[in-house]
Amino acid sequence: IVLPLVYDKPWLRVVSERDYERSAKKDLADLGYHMTKEEFIHWHMTFWPQTQAIALQHLFGAVICLPAILNIGDPKVCSRLVCVG
């Protein structure tokens, strides 16, 4: 759903290039993968929306665990929220 909205946008291309130059080129070589800059940019732009969705899911899970961490509210409700989070 999100991929057609962000794929090949200038800001995402710049982020992908920056990520490749800063660490990905070395990390890929260390792992034995051979990927050109354009291949990496394509891969990065393809999986960027999925990565953001995973980050958002983890953030939401952490937020609903806060009542249990801070000991706020009914312990039964907090326990249920932690199980969901």
N, C-alpha and C. Protein backbone atom coordinates (compact mmCIF):
# COMPACT_ATOMS: atom_id res chain seq x y z
N ILE A 1 0.83 -1.19 0.00
CA ILE A 1 0.00 0.00 0.00
C ILE A 1 0.88 1.25 0.00
N VAL A 2 1.92 1.25 0.82
CA VAL A 2 2.77 2.44 0.96
C VAL A 2 3.86 2.49 -0.11
N LEU A 3 4.31 1.34 -0.58
CA LEU A 3 5.43 1.29 -1.51
C LEU A 3 5.24 2.17 -2.74
N PRO A 4 4.09 2.13 -3.42
CA PRO A 4 3.94 3.01 -4.59
C PRO A 4 3.99 4.50 -4.25
N LEU A 5 3.69 4.83 -3.02
CA LEU A 5 3.69 6.24 -2.61
C LEU A 5 5.10 6.77 -2.34
N VAL A 6 6.03 5.89 -1.96
CA VAL A 6 7.36 6.36 -1.57
C VAL A 6 8.48 5.87 -2.48
N TYR A 7 8.24 4.83 -3.27
CA TYR A 7 9.33 4.27 -4.07
C TYR A 7 9.86 5.30 -5.06
N ASP A 8 11.16 5.42 -5.08
CA ASP A 8 11.91 6.29 -5.98
C ASP A 8 11.65 7.78 -5.76
N LYS A 9 11.21 8.13 -4.57
CA LYS A 9 11.11 9.55 -4.23
C LYS A 9 12.52 10.07 -3.96
N PRO A 10 12.78 11.33 -4.26
CA PRO A 10 14.14 11.86 -4.08
C PRO A 10 14.66 11.72 -2.65
N TRP A 11 13.82 11.96 -1.66
CA TRP A 11 14.28 11.89 -0.27
C TRP A 11 14.64 10.46 0.13
N LEU A 12 13.90 9.47 -0.38
CA LEU A 12 14.21 8.08 -0.05
C LEU A 12 15.46 7.61 -0.79
N ARG A 13 15.65 8.11 -2.01
CA ARG A 13 16.87 7.77 -2.76
C ARG A 13 18.10 8.33 -2.05
N VAL A 14 17.99 9.57 -1.53
CA VAL A 14 19.11 10.17 -0.80
C VAL A 14 19.42 9.37 0.46
N VAL A 15 18.39 8.97 1.19
CA VAL A 15 18.58 8.17 2.40
C VAL A 15 19.23 6.84 2.05
N SER A 16 18.79 6.21 0.98
CA SER A 16 19.35 4.92 0.56
C SER A 16 20.81 5.06 0.17
N GLU A 17 21.13 6.10 -0.59
CA GLU A 17 22.52 6.33 -0.97
C GLU A 17 23.39 6.59 0.25
N ARG A 18 22.89 7.38 1.18
CA ARG A 18 23.63 7.69 2.40
C ARG A 18 23.87 6.43 3.22
N ASP A 19 22.85 5.58 3.34
CA ASP A 19 22.99 4.34 4.09
C ASP A 19 24.01 3.43 3.43
N TYR A 20 24.01 3.38 2.12
CA TYR A 20 24.98 2.55 1.40
C TYR A 20 26.40 3.04 1.64
N GLU A 21 26.61 4.34 1.52
CA GLU A 21 27.95 4.89 1.67
C GLU A 21 28.45 4.82 3.12
N ARG A 22 27.58 5.02 4.08
CA ARG A 22 28.01 5.05 5.48
C ARG A 22 28.37 3.68 6.03
N SER A 23 27.54 2.67 5.77
CA SER A 23 27.84 1.39 6.40
C SER A 23 27.49 0.17 5.57
N ALA A 24 26.50 0.26 4.73
CA ALA A 24 26.01 -0.94 4.05
C ALA A 24 27.05 -1.54 3.11
N LYS A 25 27.82 -0.72 2.43
CA LYS A 25 28.82 -1.24 1.50
C LYS A 25 29.82 -2.13 2.23
N LYS A 26 30.30 -1.67 3.36
CA LYS A 26 31.26 -2.45 4.15
C LYS A 26 30.59 -3.67 4.76
N ASP A 27 29.38 -3.49 5.31
CA ASP A 27 28.67 -4.61 5.94
C ASP A 27 28.37 -5.71 4.93
N LEU A 28 27.95 -5.34 3.74
CA LEU A 28 27.68 -6.34 2.70
C LEU A 28 28.95 -7.08 2.31
N ALA A 29 30.05 -6.36 2.19
CA ALA A 29 31.32 -7.00 1.84
C ALA A 29 31.76 -7.95 2.96
N ASP A 30 31.58 -7.53 4.21
CA ASP A 30 31.95 -8.39 5.33
C ASP A 30 31.14 -9.68 5.35
N LEU A 31 29.89 -9.60 4.91
CA LEU A 31 29.03 -10.78 4.89
C LEU A 31 29.21 -11.61 3.62
N GLY A 32 29.98 -11.11 2.68
CA GLY A 32 30.25 -11.84 1.45
C GLY A 32 29.22 -11.60 0.35
N TYR A 33 28.38 -10.59 0.52
CA TYR A 33 27.40 -10.25 -0.51
C TYR A 33 28.00 -9.21 -1.45
N HIS A 34 27.71 -9.35 -2.70
CA HIS A 34 28.18 -8.40 -3.69
C HIS A 34 26.95 -7.72 -4.31
N MET A 35 26.77 -6.47 -3.96
CA MET A 35 25.60 -5.71 -4.42
C MET A 35 26.09 -4.34 -4.86
N THR A 36 25.72 -3.95 -6.08
CA THR A 36 26.10 -2.62 -6.54
C THR A 36 25.28 -1.58 -5.79
N LYS A 37 25.69 -0.34 -5.94
CA LYS A 37 24.99 0.75 -5.27
C LYS A 37 23.54 0.81 -5.74
N GLU A 38 23.30 0.68 -7.03
CA GLU A 38 21.93 0.74 -7.56
C GLU A 38 21.10 -0.44 -7.09
N GLU A 39 21.70 -1.62 -7.00
CA GLU A 39 20.97 -2.78 -6.48
C GLU A 39 20.58 -2.57 -5.02
N PHE A 40 21.51 -2.02 -4.23
CA PHE A 40 21.21 -1.75 -2.84
C PHE A 40 20.11 -0.70 -2.71
N ILE A 41 20.18 0.35 -3.51
CA ILE A 41 19.16 1.40 -3.45
C ILE A 41 17.78 0.83 -3.76
N HIS A 42 17.71 -0.01 -4.78
CA HIS A 42 16.44 -0.65 -5.13
C HIS A 42 15.95 -1.51 -3.97
N TRP A 43 16.83 -2.32 -3.40
CA TRP A 43 16.46 -3.19 -2.27
C TRP A 43 16.00 -2.35 -1.08
N HIS A 44 16.75 -1.30 -0.76
CA HIS A 44 16.44 -0.45 0.38
C HIS A 44 15.09 0.23 0.20
N MET A 45 14.83 0.77 -0.98
CA MET A 45 13.57 1.46 -1.22
C MET A 45 12.39 0.48 -1.23
N THR A 46 12.64 -0.76 -1.63
CA THR A 46 11.58 -1.76 -1.65
C THR A 46 11.18 -2.17 -0.23
N PHE A 47 12.15 -2.32 0.67
CA PHE A 47 11.86 -2.81 2.01
C PHE A 47 11.71 -1.71 3.04
N TRP A 48 11.91 -0.47 2.68
CA TRP A 48 11.79 0.64 3.63
C TRP A 48 10.39 0.72 4.26
N PRO A 49 9.30 0.65 3.50
CA PRO A 49 7.98 0.72 4.13
C PRO A 49 7.73 -0.42 5.12
N GLN A 50 8.20 -1.61 4.81
CA GLN A 50 8.04 -2.74 5.72
C GLN A 50 8.81 -2.50 7.01
N THR A 51 10.00 -1.98 6.90
CA THR A 51 10.81 -1.68 8.08
C THR A 51 10.12 -0.63 8.96
N GLN A 52 9.53 0.37 8.34
CA GLN A 52 8.83 1.40 9.11
C GLN A 52 7.60 0.83 9.80
N ALA A 53 6.89 -0.08 9.14
CA ALA A 53 5.72 -0.72 9.75
C ALA A 53 6.14 -1.56 10.96
N ILE A 54 7.24 -2.26 10.86
CA ILE A 54 7.74 -3.06 11.98
C ILE A 54 8.14 -2.15 13.14
N ALA A 55 8.80 -1.04 12.85
CA ALA A 55 9.18 -0.09 13.90
C ALA A 55 7.95 0.49 14.59
N LEU A 56 6.94 0.82 13.82
CA LEU A 56 5.70 1.37 14.38
C LEU A 56 5.00 0.33 15.25
N GLN A 57 4.99 -0.91 14.83
CA GLN A 57 4.37 -1.98 15.61
C GLN A 57 5.10 -2.16 16.94
N HIS A 58 6.43 -2.12 16.93
CA HIS A 58 7.18 -2.25 18.16
C HIS A 58 6.96 -1.06 19.08
N LEU A 59 6.87 0.12 18.51
CA LEU A 59 6.60 1.32 19.32
C LEU A 59 5.24 1.21 19.99
N PHE A 60 4.22 0.79 19.25
CA PHE A 60 2.89 0.63 19.81
C PHE A 60 2.90 -0.42 20.92
N GLY A 61 3.58 -1.53 20.71
CA GLY A 61 3.68 -2.56 21.74
C GLY A 61 4.34 -2.06 23.00
N ALA A 62 5.38 -1.26 22.84
CA ALA A 62 6.06 -0.69 24.01
C ALA A 62 5.17 0.29 24.75
N VAL A 63 4.42 1.09 24.01
CA VAL A 63 3.55 2.09 24.65
C VAL A 63 2.45 1.42 25.47
N ILE A 64 1.86 0.33 24.95
CA ILE A 64 0.79 -0.28 25.74
C ILE A 64 1.33 -1.09 26.92
N CYS A 65 2.63 -1.29 26.99
CA CYS A 65 3.23 -1.93 28.16
C CYS A 65 3.58 -0.92 29.26
N LEU A 66 3.53 0.36 28.95
CA LEU A 66 3.92 1.39 29.92
C LEU A 66 3.12 1.36 31.23
N PRO A 67 1.81 1.14 31.21
CA PRO A 67 1.10 1.09 32.50
C PRO A 67 1.66 0.03 33.44
N ALA A 68 2.05 -1.12 32.92
CA ALA A 68 2.62 -2.16 33.77
C ALA A 68 4.01 -1.76 34.26
N ILE A 69 4.78 -1.15 33.39
CA ILE A 69 6.14 -0.75 33.77
C ILE A 69 6.09 0.33 34.84
N LEU A 70 5.17 1.28 34.69
CA LEU A 70 5.06 2.39 35.64
C LEU A 70 4.13 2.09 36.81
N ASN A 71 3.57 0.88 36.83
CA ASN A 71 2.68 0.44 37.90
C ASN A 71 1.48 1.38 38.03
N ILE A 72 0.82 1.65 36.91
CA ILE A 72 -0.34 2.54 36.86
C ILE A 72 -1.57 1.69 36.55
N GLY A 73 -2.60 1.81 37.34
CA GLY A 73 -3.86 1.15 37.04
C GLY A 73 -3.99 -0.23 37.65
N ASP A 74 -5.05 -0.91 37.24
CA ASP A 74 -5.38 -2.24 37.74
C ASP A 74 -4.34 -3.25 37.26
N PRO A 75 -3.77 -4.04 38.16
CA PRO A 75 -2.76 -5.03 37.76
C PRO A 75 -3.26 -6.04 36.74
N LYS A 76 -4.55 -6.40 36.79
CA LYS A 76 -5.09 -7.36 35.83
C LYS A 76 -5.10 -6.76 34.42
N VAL A 77 -5.50 -5.50 34.33
CA VAL A 77 -5.51 -4.82 33.04
C VAL A 77 -4.08 -4.66 32.53
N CYS A 78 -3.18 -4.27 33.42
CA CYS A 78 -1.77 -4.10 33.03
C CYS A 78 -1.19 -5.41 32.51
N SER A 79 -1.53 -6.50 33.16
CA SER A 79 -1.04 -7.81 32.75
C SER A 79 -1.56 -8.15 31.35
N ARG A 80 -2.81 -7.87 31.10
CA ARG A 80 -3.38 -8.14 29.78
C ARG A 80 -2.73 -7.28 28.70
N LEU A 81 -2.47 -6.01 29.05
CA LEU A 81 -1.82 -5.13 28.07
C LEU A 81 -0.40 -5.61 27.74
N VAL A 82 0.30 -6.09 28.74
CA VAL A 82 1.64 -6.60 28.51
C VAL A 82 1.60 -7.82 27.59
N CYS A 83 0.61 -8.69 27.81
CA CYS A 83 0.48 -9.87 26.94
C CYS A 83 0.21 -9.47 25.49
N VAL A 84 -0.57 -8.42 25.29
CA VAL A 84 -0.88 -7.95 23.94
C VAL A 84 0.33 -7.23 23.35
N GLY A 85 1.00 -6.43 24.20
CA GLY A 85 2.12 -5.62 23.72
C GLY A 85 3.32 -6.46 23.45
